[in-house]
Amino acid sequence: MRMKRHSQQGLTLIELMISMALGLVIAAGVIQVLVSNSVTDSLNRAIASTQESGRFIVSRMRQELMMVGLYNKLDPNLNELVDVVEEEVFVRSNPVPIPGDFVARMGLGSLQGASGANDTLVVSLQAPRDCRGFKLGYPADDEFYVVNEYFVEDNKLKCRGFDGRVLRGQKAAEAHSGHSAFTLLDDVISFQVLYGVTNPLDPNNLALPVRYIDASALPAAYAVNAQVVAIRLALVVKGEGEVNLDAPATFKLLNEDTITAPDNALYKSFETTVTLRNMKNFTRGSAL
């Protein structure tokens, strides 16, 4: 009895070429999806980091600046090493110091950056610590005259605190803390500040900002008894991650000319206006 043999046939060359082509198409599609997901993930991380950084610094700056001009000579925690009545007048008159206000550091004060460069913000208040958290040699429960300086160095927003009494030549500085600056936020490419000043001739003395000026105009405003009752901040922060946009972003901050980001990474601007409650109340009350 003979066994019937069945012949086996393989794929033809055409079938193999079609199969390979389909495989390549599918593989290309998968790779494209993976690349797209990676780019989207990097972009999302960059957006999240800029949002987090911006919200953090705006929140912190608002909390610290809201207290500018605070001074209560009747506060039992206020250190009375000096004449607090005279010091109150000085703090209230110089909530935003300018160069020349302090004999021990004549150059310290709010400054307008030249040609769109970063500004420097300096503020005064009564507080238990400076912006770095230092007591500057005072007892744990004492409050004192604090001067805080905010500036950008090497694309880092930094703060540095001073004892206002040392700056005025009323006491010696404590050696343990020095004047080292602490970094508040990395990757800041622009930091701009405007100051809302009152109209000294306002018969109703509402203590409202009638205009916003930069630091270069503060001496003239102080000369006619105008007072700073609001501070407007704006800054540009760079996001984290490998993001490469089609073109560098551009930004218009406050009264400055338009700036262009230094590269194609993701950048975002943030702006806030802080009302100086203590200065508004003081300005209103001073005319009563």
C-alpha atoms as a PDB file:
ATOM      1  CA  MET A   1       0.000   0.000   0.000  1.00  0.00           C
ATOM      2  CA  ARG A   2       1.501   3.290  -1.013  1.00  0.00           C
ATOM      3  CA  MET A   3       1.563   6.365   1.268  1.00  0.00           C
ATOM      4  CA  LYS A   4       0.388   9.515  -0.446  1.00  0.00           C
ATOM      5  CA  ARG A   5       2.877  12.312  -0.001  1.00  0.00           C
ATOM      6  CA  HIS A   6       1.763  15.944   0.412  1.00  0.00           C
ATOM      7  CA  SER A   7       4.252  18.542  -0.805  1.00  0.00           C
ATOM      8  CA  GLN A   8       4.910  21.625   1.415  1.00  0.00           C
ATOM      9  CA  GLN A   9       5.326  25.041  -0.103  1.00  0.00           C
ATOM     10  CA  GLY A  10       7.086  28.057   1.521  1.00  0.00           C
ATOM     11  CA  LEU A  11       6.448  31.802   1.128  1.00  0.00           C
ATOM     12  CA  THR A  12       7.156  33.352  -2.168  1.00  0.00           C
ATOM     13  CA  LEU A  13       9.611  36.224  -2.497  1.00  0.00           C
ATOM     14  CA  ILE A  14       6.765  38.669  -3.023  1.00  0.00           C
ATOM     15  CA  GLU A  15       5.022  37.499   0.160  1.00  0.00           C
ATOM     16  CA  LEU A  16       8.266  37.900   2.115  1.00  0.00           C
ATOM     17  CA  MET A  17       8.772  41.427   0.807  1.00  0.00           C
ATOM     18  CA  ILE A  18       5.182  42.378   1.688  1.00  0.00           C
ATOM     19  CA  SER A  19       5.601  40.942   5.198  1.00  0.00           C
ATOM     20  CA  MET A  20       8.857  42.818   5.743  1.00  0.00           C
ATOM     21  CA  ALA A  21       7.324  46.060   4.492  1.00  0.00           C
ATOM     22  CA  LEU A  22       4.361  45.697   6.835  1.00  0.00           C
ATOM     23  CA  GLY A  23       6.728  44.939   9.733  1.00  0.00           C
ATOM     24  CA  LEU A  24       8.756  48.030   9.005  1.00  0.00           C
ATOM     25  CA  VAL A  25       5.620  50.184   8.873  1.00  0.00           C
ATOM     26  CA  ILE A  26       4.415  48.805  12.218  1.00  0.00           C
ATOM     27  CA  ALA A  27       7.863  49.211  13.816  1.00  0.00           C
ATOM     28  CA  ALA A  28       8.121  52.795  12.545  1.00  0.00           C
ATOM     29  CA  GLY A  29       4.710  53.544  14.005  1.00  0.00           C
ATOM     30  CA  VAL A  30       5.662  52.095  17.391  1.00  0.00           C
ATOM     31  CA  ILE A  31       8.928  54.045  17.436  1.00  0.00           C
ATOM     32  CA  GLN A  32       7.089  57.244  16.519  1.00  0.00           C
ATOM     33  CA  VAL A  33       4.645  56.717  19.375  1.00  0.00           C
ATOM     34  CA  LEU A  34       7.493  56.084  21.827  1.00  0.00           C
ATOM     35  CA  VAL A  35       9.371  59.183  20.678  1.00  0.00           C
ATOM     36  CA  SER A  36       6.198  61.267  20.847  1.00  0.00           C
ATOM     37  CA  ASN A  37       5.467  60.004  24.364  1.00  0.00           C
ATOM     38  CA  SER A  38       9.018  60.816  25.454  1.00  0.00           C
ATOM     39  CA  VAL A  39       8.825  64.350  24.053  1.00  0.00           C
ATOM     40  CA  THR A  40       5.404  64.879  25.659  1.00  0.00           C
ATOM     41  CA  ASP A  41       6.685  63.565  28.979  1.00  0.00           C
ATOM     42  CA  SER A  42       9.703  65.906  28.885  1.00  0.00           C
ATOM     43  CA  LEU A  43       7.481  68.848  28.017  1.00  0.00           C
ATOM     44  CA  ASN A  44       5.048  68.016  30.822  1.00  0.00           C
ATOM     45  CA  ARG A  45       7.916  67.781  33.315  1.00  0.00           C
ATOM     46  CA  ALA A  46       9.284  71.128  32.170  1.00  0.00           C
ATOM     47  CA  ILE A  47       5.862  72.779  32.439  1.00  0.00           C
ATOM     48  CA  ALA A  48       5.293  71.287  35.888  1.00  0.00           C
ATOM     49  CA  SER A  49       8.714  72.396  37.130  1.00  0.00           C
ATOM     50  CA  THR A  50       8.271  75.973  35.924  1.00  0.00           C
ATOM     51  CA  GLN A  51       4.804  76.166  37.463  1.00  0.00           C
ATOM     52  CA  GLU A  52       6.073  74.783  40.764  1.00  0.00           C
ATOM     53  CA  SER A  53       9.096  77.100  40.829  1.00  0.00           C
ATOM     54  CA  GLY A  54       7.059  80.152  39.886  1.00  0.00           C
ATOM     55  CA  ARG A  55       4.308  79.512  42.405  1.00  0.00           C
ATOM     56  CA  PHE A  56       6.844  78.859  45.143  1.00  0.00           C
ATOM     57  CA  ILE A  57       8.812  82.063  44.637  1.00  0.00           C
ATOM     58  CA  VAL A  58       5.713  84.220  44.158  1.00  0.00           C
ATOM     59  CA  SER A  59       4.194  82.810  47.361  1.00  0.00           C
ATOM     60  CA  ARG A  60       7.389  83.316  49.342  1.00  0.00           C
ATOM     61  CA  MET A  61       8.017  86.831  48.062  1.00  0.00           C
ATOM     62  CA  ARG A  62       4.435  87.849  48.754  1.00  0.00           C
ATOM     63  CA  GLN A  63       4.625  86.609  52.346  1.00  0.00           C
ATOM     64  CA  GLU A  64       7.864  88.461  53.015  1.00  0.00           C
ATOM     65  CA  LEU A  65       7.004  91.680  51.186  1.00  0.00           C
ATOM     66  CA  MET A  66       3.554  92.051  52.749  1.00  0.00           C
ATOM     67  CA  MET A  67       5.295  92.902  56.024  1.00  0.00           C
ATOM     68  CA  VAL A  68       7.557  95.615  54.584  1.00  0.00           C
ATOM     69  CA  GLY A  69       7.458  98.782  56.682  1.00  0.00           C
ATOM     70  CA  LEU A  70       6.247  96.958  59.787  1.00  0.00           C
ATOM     71  CA  TYR A  71       7.478  98.533  63.021  1.00  0.00           C
ATOM     72  CA  ASN A  72       5.746  98.592  66.401  1.00  0.00           C
ATOM     73  CA  LYS A  73       7.711 100.337  69.130  1.00  0.00           C
ATOM     74  CA  LEU A  74       5.225  99.001  71.720  1.00  0.00           C
ATOM     75  CA  ASP A  75       5.861  95.359  70.781  1.00  0.00           C
ATOM     76  CA  PRO A  76       7.193  93.631  73.934  1.00  0.00           C
ATOM     77  CA  ASN A  77       9.425  91.432  71.757  1.00  0.00           C
ATOM     78  CA  LEU A  78      11.143  94.393  70.108  1.00  0.00           C
ATOM     79  CA  ASN A  79      14.776  94.599  71.167  1.00  0.00           C
ATOM     80  CA  GLU A  80      15.389  98.041  72.718  1.00  0.00           C
ATOM     81  CA  LEU A  81      19.133  98.273  72.279  1.00  0.00           C
ATOM     82  CA  VAL A  82      18.596 101.593  70.486  1.00  0.00           C
ATOM     83  CA  ASP A  83      16.059 104.433  70.612  1.00  0.00           C
ATOM     84  CA  VAL A  84      13.014 102.631  69.185  1.00  0.00           C
ATOM     85  CA  VAL A  85      11.048 105.856  68.711  1.00  0.00           C
ATOM     86  CA  GLU A  86      13.720 107.253  66.407  1.00  0.00           C
ATOM     87  CA  GLU A  87      14.170 103.862  64.725  1.00  0.00           C
ATOM     88  CA  GLU A  88      10.456 103.633  63.980  1.00  0.00           C
ATOM     89  CA  VAL A  89      10.603 106.948  62.147  1.00  0.00           C
ATOM     90  CA  PHE A  90      13.561 105.759  60.111  1.00  0.00           C
ATOM     91  CA  VAL A  91      11.988 102.409  59.155  1.00  0.00           C
ATOM     92  CA  ARG A  92       8.668 104.001  58.224  1.00  0.00           C
ATOM     93  CA  SER A  93      10.460 106.624  56.145  1.00  0.00           C
ATOM     94  CA  ASN A  94      12.661 104.046  54.397  1.00  0.00           C
ATOM     95  CA  PRO A  95      10.560 100.925  53.733  1.00  0.00           C
ATOM     96  CA  VAL A  96      12.415 100.554  50.439  1.00  0.00           C
ATOM     97  CA  PRO A  97      15.954 101.823  51.098  1.00  0.00           C
ATOM     98  CA  ILE A  98      18.047 103.380  48.343  1.00  0.00           C
ATOM     99  CA  PRO A  99      21.834 103.740  48.088  1.00  0.00           C
ATOM    100  CA  GLY A 100      23.108 106.270  50.617  1.00  0.00           C
ATOM    101  CA  ASP A 101      20.613 105.421  53.362  1.00  0.00           C
ATOM    102  CA  PHE A 102      23.099 103.393  55.434  1.00  0.00           C
ATOM    103  CA  VAL A 103      26.423 104.774  56.651  1.00  0.00           C
ATOM    104  CA  ALA A 104      27.998 101.323  57.043  1.00  0.00           C
ATOM    105  CA  ARG A 105      27.087 100.155  53.524  1.00  0.00           C
ATOM    106  CA  MET A 106      26.516 103.177  51.317  1.00  0.00           C
ATOM    107  CA  GLY A 107      25.895 101.172  48.137  1.00  0.00           C
ATOM    108  CA  LEU A 108      23.100  99.053  49.618  1.00  0.00           C
ATOM    109  CA  GLY A 109      19.666  99.908  48.289  1.00  0.00           C
ATOM    110  CA  SER A 110      17.124  99.127  45.595  1.00  0.00           C
ATOM    111  CA  LEU A 111      18.613  99.479  42.127  1.00  0.00           C
ATOM    112  CA  GLN A 112      17.306  99.578  38.573  1.00  0.00           C
ATOM    113  CA  GLY A 113      19.219  97.234  36.277  1.00  0.00           C
ATOM    114  CA  ALA A 114      20.773  99.006  33.303  1.00  0.00           C
ATOM    115  CA  SER A 115      19.405  98.221  29.833  1.00  0.00           C
ATOM    116  CA  GLY A 116      17.010  95.524  31.013  1.00  0.00           C
ATOM    117  CA  ALA A 117      19.443  93.836  33.409  1.00  0.00           C
ATOM    118  CA  ASN A 118      18.139  92.354  36.659  1.00  0.00           C
ATOM    119  CA  ASP A 119      16.905  94.738  39.344  1.00  0.00           C
ATOM    120  CA  THR A 120      17.876  94.681  43.026  1.00  0.00           C
ATOM    121  CA  LEU A 121      15.179  94.954  45.692  1.00  0.00           C
ATOM    122  CA  VAL A 122      15.962  96.041  49.268  1.00  0.00           C
ATOM    123  CA  VAL A 123      13.278  96.283  51.965  1.00  0.00           C
ATOM    124  CA  SER A 124      13.059  97.196  55.674  1.00  0.00           C
ATOM    125  CA  LEU A 125      10.886  95.868  58.483  1.00  0.00           C
ATOM    126  CA  GLN A 126      10.756  94.700  62.076  1.00  0.00           C
ATOM    127  CA  ALA A 127      11.100  90.911  62.189  1.00  0.00           C
ATOM    128  CA  PRO A 128      12.403  88.028  64.330  1.00  0.00           C
ATOM    129  CA  ARG A 129      14.830  86.872  61.571  1.00  0.00           C
ATOM    130  CA  ASP A 130      16.248  88.016  58.277  1.00  0.00           C
ATOM    131  CA  CYS A 131      15.270  86.437  54.943  1.00  0.00           C
ATOM    132  CA  ARG A 132      17.823  83.652  55.505  1.00  0.00           C
ATOM    133  CA  GLY A 133      16.383  82.726  58.892  1.00  0.00           C
ATOM    134  CA  PHE A 134      19.281  84.241  60.867  1.00  0.00           C
ATOM    135  CA  LYS A 135      18.816  85.910  64.252  1.00  0.00           C
ATOM    136  CA  LEU A 136      22.010  87.960  63.718  1.00  0.00           C
ATOM    137  CA  GLY A 137      23.005  87.599  67.352  1.00  0.00           C
ATOM    138  CA  TYR A 138      19.718  88.605  68.971  1.00  0.00           C
ATOM    139  CA  PRO A 139      18.024  86.477  71.671  1.00  0.00           C
ATOM    140  CA  ALA A 140      15.589  83.809  70.472  1.00  0.00           C
ATOM    141  CA  ASP A 141      12.396  85.750  71.222  1.00  0.00           C
ATOM    142  CA  ASP A 142      13.602  89.204  70.181  1.00  0.00           C
ATOM    143  CA  GLU A 143      12.571  91.096  67.070  1.00  0.00           C
ATOM    144  CA  PHE A 144      14.783  93.739  65.509  1.00  0.00           C
ATOM    145  CA  TYR A 145      15.269  96.032  62.514  1.00  0.00           C
ATOM    146  CA  VAL A 146      15.852  93.772  59.479  1.00  0.00           C
ATOM    147  CA  VAL A 147      16.992  94.809  56.012  1.00  0.00           C
ATOM    148  CA  ASN A 148      16.592  92.178  53.270  1.00  0.00           C
ATOM    149  CA  GLU A 149      18.193  92.340  49.834  1.00  0.00           C
ATOM    150  CA  TYR A 150      16.938  90.313  46.821  1.00  0.00           C
ATOM    151  CA  PHE A 151      19.003  90.033  43.645  1.00  0.00           C
ATOM    152  CA  VAL A 152      19.978  87.672  40.811  1.00  0.00           C
ATOM    153  CA  GLU A 153      23.501  86.290  40.526  1.00  0.00           C
ATOM    154  CA  ASP A 154      24.563  83.530  38.096  1.00  0.00           C
ATOM    155  CA  ASN A 155      20.894  83.003  37.133  1.00  0.00           C
ATOM    156  CA  LYS A 156      19.974  82.371  40.777  1.00  0.00           C
ATOM    157  CA  LEU A 157      17.545  84.543  42.735  1.00  0.00           C
ATOM    158  CA  LYS A 158      19.225  85.144  46.084  1.00  0.00           C
ATOM    159  CA  CYS A 159      18.537  86.938  49.344  1.00  0.00           C
ATOM    160  CA  ARG A 160      20.849  88.456  51.908  1.00  0.00           C
ATOM    161  CA  GLY A 161      19.844  89.825  55.299  1.00  0.00           C
ATOM    162  CA  PHE A 162      21.311  92.597  57.434  1.00  0.00           C
ATOM    163  CA  ASP A 163      20.863  94.041  60.890  1.00  0.00           C
ATOM    164  CA  GLY A 164      19.592  97.546  60.190  1.00  0.00           C
ATOM    165  CA  ARG A 165      21.251  98.825  63.358  1.00  0.00           C
ATOM    166  CA  VAL A 166      24.628  97.624  62.104  1.00  0.00           C
ATOM    167  CA  LEU A 167      23.993  99.308  58.754  1.00  0.00           C
ATOM    168  CA  ARG A 168      23.218 102.558  60.560  1.00  0.00           C
ATOM    169  CA  GLY A 169      26.402 102.336  62.617  1.00  0.00           C
ATOM    170  CA  GLN A 170      24.568 101.826  65.913  1.00  0.00           C
ATOM    171  CA  LYS A 171      26.140  98.460  66.823  1.00  0.00           C
ATOM    172  CA  ALA A 172      28.836  96.040  65.724  1.00  0.00           C
ATOM    173  CA  ALA A 173      28.004  93.148  63.404  1.00  0.00           C
ATOM    174  CA  GLU A 174      27.840  89.595  64.705  1.00  0.00           C
ATOM    175  CA  ALA A 175      30.574  87.535  63.080  1.00  0.00           C
ATOM    176  CA  HIS A 176      28.806  84.165  63.088  1.00  0.00           C
ATOM    177  CA  SER A 177      26.362  84.822  60.222  1.00  0.00           C
ATOM    178  CA  GLY A 178      28.137  87.252  57.947  1.00  0.00           C
ATOM    179  CA  HIS A 179      26.496  88.579  54.802  1.00  0.00           C
ATOM    180  CA  SER A 180      26.502  85.420  52.703  1.00  0.00           C
ATOM    181  CA  ALA A 181      23.619  85.159  50.232  1.00  0.00           C
ATOM    182  CA  PHE A 182      21.186  82.234  50.162  1.00  0.00           C
ATOM    183  CA  THR A 183      19.697  80.947  46.887  1.00  0.00           C
ATOM    184  CA  LEU A 184      15.904  81.096  46.763  1.00  0.00           C
ATOM    185  CA  LEU A 185      15.409  79.852  43.199  1.00  0.00           C
ATOM    186  CA  ASP A 186      17.587  78.525  40.372  1.00  0.00           C
ATOM    187  CA  ASP A 187      17.306  79.229  36.636  1.00  0.00           C
ATOM    188  CA  VAL A 188      15.987  82.793  36.838  1.00  0.00           C
ATOM    189  CA  ILE A 189      16.904  84.782  33.723  1.00  0.00           C
ATOM    190  CA  SER A 190      15.129  88.043  34.581  1.00  0.00           C
ATOM    191  CA  PHE A 191      13.993  89.750  37.795  1.00  0.00           C
ATOM    192  CA  GLN A 192      12.222  93.104  37.507  1.00  0.00           C
ATOM    193  CA  VAL A 193      10.654  95.377  40.126  1.00  0.00           C
ATOM    194  CA  LEU A 194       8.385  98.436  40.101  1.00  0.00           C
ATOM    195  CA  TYR A 195       7.256 100.521  43.075  1.00  0.00           C
ATOM    196  CA  GLY A 196       3.759 101.906  43.528  1.00  0.00           C
ATOM    197  CA  VAL A 197       3.984 105.372  45.073  1.00  0.00           C
ATOM    198  CA  THR A 198       1.358 107.679  46.537  1.00  0.00           C
ATOM    199  CA  ASN A 199       0.439 111.189  45.538  1.00  0.00           C
ATOM    200  CA  PRO A 200       1.717 113.382  48.403  1.00  0.00           C
ATOM    201  CA  LEU A 201      -0.731 116.118  47.401  1.00  0.00           C
ATOM    202  CA  ASP A 202      -3.803 113.876  47.632  1.00  0.00           C
ATOM    203  CA  PRO A 203      -6.220 115.771  49.947  1.00  0.00           C
ATOM    204  CA  ASN A 204      -8.039 112.556  50.875  1.00  0.00           C
ATOM    205  CA  ASN A 205      -4.798 110.718  51.669  1.00  0.00           C
ATOM    206  CA  LEU A 206      -6.124 107.366  50.441  1.00  0.00           C
ATOM    207  CA  ALA A 207      -2.588 105.934  50.359  1.00  0.00           C
ATOM    208  CA  LEU A 208      -3.217 104.365  46.968  1.00  0.00           C
ATOM    209  CA  PRO A 209      -0.454 103.935  44.367  1.00  0.00           C
ATOM    210  CA  VAL A 210      -1.051 106.541  41.687  1.00  0.00           C
ATOM    211  CA  ARG A 211       1.838 105.366  39.514  1.00  0.00           C
ATOM    212  CA  TYR A 212       4.534 102.718  39.355  1.00  0.00           C
ATOM    213  CA  ILE A 213       8.161 103.758  39.043  1.00  0.00           C
ATOM    214  CA  ASP A 214      11.489 101.953  38.877  1.00  0.00           C
ATOM    215  CA  ALA A 215      14.219 102.258  41.489  1.00  0.00           C
ATOM    216  CA  SER A 216      16.016 105.051  39.642  1.00  0.00           C
ATOM    217  CA  ALA A 217      12.998 107.321  40.272  1.00  0.00           C
ATOM    218  CA  LEU A 218      12.700 106.571  44.004  1.00  0.00           C
ATOM    219  CA  PRO A 219      15.005 109.400  45.202  1.00  0.00           C
ATOM    220  CA  ALA A 220      12.903 112.011  43.394  1.00  0.00           C
ATOM    221  CA  ALA A 221       9.681 110.483  44.769  1.00  0.00           C
ATOM    222  CA  TYR A 222      11.020 110.496  48.321  1.00  0.00           C
ATOM    223  CA  ALA A 223      12.135 114.111  47.892  1.00  0.00           C
ATOM    224  CA  VAL A 224       8.497 115.219  47.481  1.00  0.00           C
ATOM    225  CA  ASN A 225       7.278 112.977  50.348  1.00  0.00           C
ATOM    226  CA  ALA A 226       5.701 110.325  48.136  1.00  0.00           C
ATOM    227  CA  GLN A 227       5.673 106.902  49.771  1.00  0.00           C
ATOM    228  CA  VAL A 228       5.957 103.352  48.463  1.00  0.00           C
ATOM    229  CA  VAL A 229       2.741 101.435  49.246  1.00  0.00           C
ATOM    230  CA  ALA A 230       2.983  98.593  46.716  1.00  0.00           C
ATOM    231  CA  ILE A 231       5.661  96.515  44.994  1.00  0.00           C
ATOM    232  CA  ARG A 232       5.224  94.818  41.633  1.00  0.00           C
ATOM    233  CA  LEU A 233       7.496  91.878  40.775  1.00  0.00           C
ATOM    234  CA  ALA A 234       8.063  89.984  37.537  1.00  0.00           C
ATOM    235  CA  LEU A 235      10.506  87.214  36.723  1.00  0.00           C
ATOM    236  CA  VAL A 236      11.221  84.571  34.089  1.00  0.00           C
ATOM    237  CA  VAL A 237      12.002  80.994  35.160  1.00  0.00           C
ATOM    238  CA  LYS A 238      13.487  78.159  33.088  1.00  0.00           C
ATOM    239  CA  GLY A 239      11.885  74.716  33.182  1.00  0.00           C
ATOM    240  CA  GLU A 240      13.744  71.486  33.859  1.00  0.00           C
ATOM    241  CA  GLY A 241      14.294  68.707  31.340  1.00  0.00           C
ATOM    242  CA  GLU A 242      15.403  68.357  27.738  1.00  0.00           C
ATOM    243  CA  VAL A 243      12.869  70.501  25.915  1.00  0.00           C
ATOM    244  CA  ASN A 244      13.756  72.067  22.579  1.00  0.00           C
ATOM    245  CA  LEU A 245      11.121  74.440  21.224  1.00  0.00           C
ATOM    246  CA  ASP A 246      11.046  75.632  17.635  1.00  0.00           C
ATOM    247  CA  ALA A 247      12.290  79.110  18.595  1.00  0.00           C
ATOM    248  CA  PRO A 248      13.396  80.955  21.753  1.00  0.00           C
ATOM    249  CA  ALA A 249      10.508  82.479  23.714  1.00  0.00           C
ATOM    250  CA  THR A 250      10.113  86.236  24.165  1.00  0.00           C
ATOM    251  CA  PHE A 251       8.798  88.090  27.220  1.00  0.00           C
ATOM    252  CA  LYS A 252       7.660  91.610  28.124  1.00  0.00           C
ATOM    253  CA  LEU A 253       8.154  92.244  31.834  1.00  0.00           C
ATOM    254  CA  LEU A 254       6.622  95.335  33.427  1.00  0.00           C
ATOM    255  CA  ASN A 255       8.062  98.496  31.842  1.00  0.00           C
ATOM    256  CA  GLU A 256      11.092  96.758  30.319  1.00  0.00           C
ATOM    257  CA  ASP A 257      11.781  96.142  26.650  1.00  0.00           C
ATOM    258  CA  THR A 258      10.992  92.704  25.239  1.00  0.00           C
ATOM    259  CA  ILE A 259      13.618  90.091  26.065  1.00  0.00           C
ATOM    260  CA  THR A 260      14.410  86.832  24.270  1.00  0.00           C
ATOM    261  CA  ALA A 261      15.260  83.620  26.101  1.00  0.00           C
ATOM    262  CA  PRO A 262      18.915  82.555  25.701  1.00  0.00           C
ATOM    263  CA  ASP A 263      17.995  79.169  24.175  1.00  0.00           C
ATOM    264  CA  ASN A 264      15.049  77.071  22.925  1.00  0.00           C
ATOM    265  CA  ALA A 265      14.229  75.560  26.317  1.00  0.00           C
ATOM    266  CA  LEU A 266      10.881  76.128  28.047  1.00  0.00           C
ATOM    267  CA  TYR A 267      10.618  79.413  29.989  1.00  0.00           C
ATOM    268  CA  LYS A 268       7.664  80.988  31.786  1.00  0.00           C
ATOM    269  CA  SER A 269       7.074  84.427  33.260  1.00  0.00           C
ATOM    270  CA  PHE A 270       5.398  85.197  36.587  1.00  0.00           C
ATOM    271  CA  GLU A 271       4.133  88.497  37.944  1.00  0.00           C
ATOM    272  CA  THR A 272       2.565  89.658  41.188  1.00  0.00           C
ATOM    273  CA  THR A 273       1.693  92.916  42.942  1.00  0.00           C
ATOM    274  CA  VAL A 274       2.053  93.126  46.711  1.00  0.00           C
ATOM    275  CA  THR A 275       0.255  95.779  48.739  1.00  0.00           C
ATOM    276  CA  LEU A 276       2.336  97.013  51.671  1.00  0.00           C
ATOM    277  CA  ARG A 277      -0.398  97.051  54.289  1.00  0.00           C
ATOM    278  CA  ASN A 278       1.774  98.562  56.990  1.00  0.00           C
ATOM    279  CA  MET A 279       2.835 101.441  54.766  1.00  0.00           C
ATOM    280  CA  LYS A 280      -0.729 102.115  53.614  1.00  0.00           C
ATOM    281  CA  ASN A 281      -1.958 102.307  57.204  1.00  0.00           C
ATOM    282  CA  PHE A 282       0.985 104.444  58.259  1.00  0.00           C
ATOM    283  CA  THR A 283       0.582 106.831  55.311  1.00  0.00           C
ATOM    284  CA  ARG A 284      -3.131 107.249  56.028  1.00  0.00           C
ATOM    285  CA  GLY A 285      -2.551 107.809  59.736  1.00  0.00           C
ATOM    286  CA  SER A 286       0.307 110.254  59.275  1.00  0.00           C
ATOM    287  CA  ALA A 287      -2.072 112.873  57.857  1.00  0.00           C
ATOM    288  CA  LEU A 288      -4.614 112.637  60.663  1.00  0.00           C
END
